[in-house]
Protein backbone atom coordinates (compact mmCIF):
# COMPACT_ATOMS: atom_id res chain seq x y z
CA MET A 1 35.10 7.77 43.71
CA LYS A 2 34.24 6.23 40.60
CA ILE A 3 29.94 5.43 39.05
CA ARG A 4 28.95 3.49 37.05
CA VAL A 5 25.75 3.40 36.24
CA LEU A 6 24.24 0.79 33.85
CA GLY A 7 21.73 0.27 31.64
CA THR A 8 20.84 0.55 27.82
CA GLY A 9 18.88 3.78 27.50
CA CYS A 10 15.62 2.67 29.19
CA PRO A 11 13.63 5.77 31.58
CA ASN A 12 14.63 3.50 34.84
CA CYS A 13 18.02 4.00 33.58
CA LYS A 14 18.21 7.87 32.44
CA LYS A 15 16.28 8.27 36.50
CA LEU A 16 18.63 6.19 38.00
CA PHE A 17 21.49 8.28 36.25
CA ALA A 18 19.30 11.66 36.99
CA LEU A 19 19.13 10.51 40.81
CA THR A 20 22.70 9.92 40.93
CA MET A 21 23.55 13.10 39.96
CA GLN A 22 21.23 14.94 42.45
CA ALA A 23 22.37 12.68 44.84
CA LEU A 24 26.10 13.72 44.23
CA ALA A 25 25.07 17.41 43.90
CA GLU A 26 23.24 17.45 47.46
CA LEU A 27 26.13 15.64 49.29
CA ASN A 28 29.07 17.42 47.70
CA ILE A 29 30.77 15.03 46.29
CA ALA A 30 32.74 15.03 43.47
CA ALA A 31 32.68 11.67 41.50
CA ASP A 32 34.24 9.76 37.71
CA LEU A 33 30.56 9.51 37.17
CA GLN A 34 29.58 8.01 33.87
CA LYS A 35 26.69 6.04 31.94
CA ILE A 36 27.40 2.92 30.38
CA GLU A 37 25.63 1.68 27.80
CA ASP A 38 27.33 -0.92 26.33
CA LEU A 39 25.93 -4.26 26.23
CA LYS A 40 29.17 -6.34 26.00
CA GLU A 41 30.53 -3.76 28.84
CA ILE A 42 27.25 -4.07 31.02
CA MET A 43 27.26 -8.24 30.77
CA SER A 44 31.06 -7.81 32.40
CA TYR A 45 29.70 -6.99 35.90
CA LYS A 46 26.98 -10.02 35.87
CA ILE A 47 24.00 -8.18 36.55
CA LEU A 48 20.77 -10.05 36.03
CA GLY A 49 18.39 -6.64 35.02
CA THR A 50 19.09 -2.91 34.79
CA PRO A 51 19.87 -0.06 35.59
CA GLY A 52 22.93 -1.19 37.76
CA LEU A 53 25.13 0.85 39.55
CA VAL A 54 28.62 0.05 40.52
CA ILE A 55 30.91 2.24 42.66
CA ASN A 56 34.34 1.82 42.98
CA ASP A 57 34.30 -1.34 40.57
CA ASN A 58 31.44 -3.00 43.18
CA VAL A 59 28.03 -3.92 41.96
CA LYS A 60 25.38 -2.05 44.37
CA LEU A 61 22.44 -2.63 43.24
CA TYR A 62 20.49 -3.61 39.81
CA GLY A 63 17.76 -4.09 38.96
CA LYS A 64 15.32 -1.49 40.43
CA VAL A 65 15.52 2.65 41.40
CA PRO A 66 16.49 3.24 44.74
CA SER A 67 15.14 6.47 46.41
CA LEU A 68 17.18 8.91 46.84
CA GLN A 69 18.09 8.89 50.78
CA GLU A 70 19.19 5.05 49.65
CA LEU A 71 21.01 6.22 46.82
CA LYS A 72 22.78 8.91 49.09
CA ARG A 73 23.72 5.84 51.39
CA LEU A 74 25.34 3.88 48.99
CA ILE A 75 27.49 7.17 48.31
CA GLN A 76 28.58 7.45 51.57
CA GLU A 77 29.22 4.10 52.51
CA GLU A 78 31.53 3.96 49.87
CA GLN A 79 33.23 7.25 49.98
CA GLU A 80 34.05 6.21 53.99
CA ASN A 81 35.55 2.61 52.71
């Protein structure tokens, strides 16, 4: 599983990255997790706001920090596909 957290370093971007690490640990899922801060690369995903969450090249959300439960659900859904 490939997970990208998109953001230029704002507090919400950092929070989403930390929350994603926590969700993966609690779900005991190994993933290639990266934080993307390069503006050109972020723009290539065509999101309208940060932070953004991309799982296996699919934009799952942007412009907000989800709850831990919502984040776990998004990861589990993508893992099942």
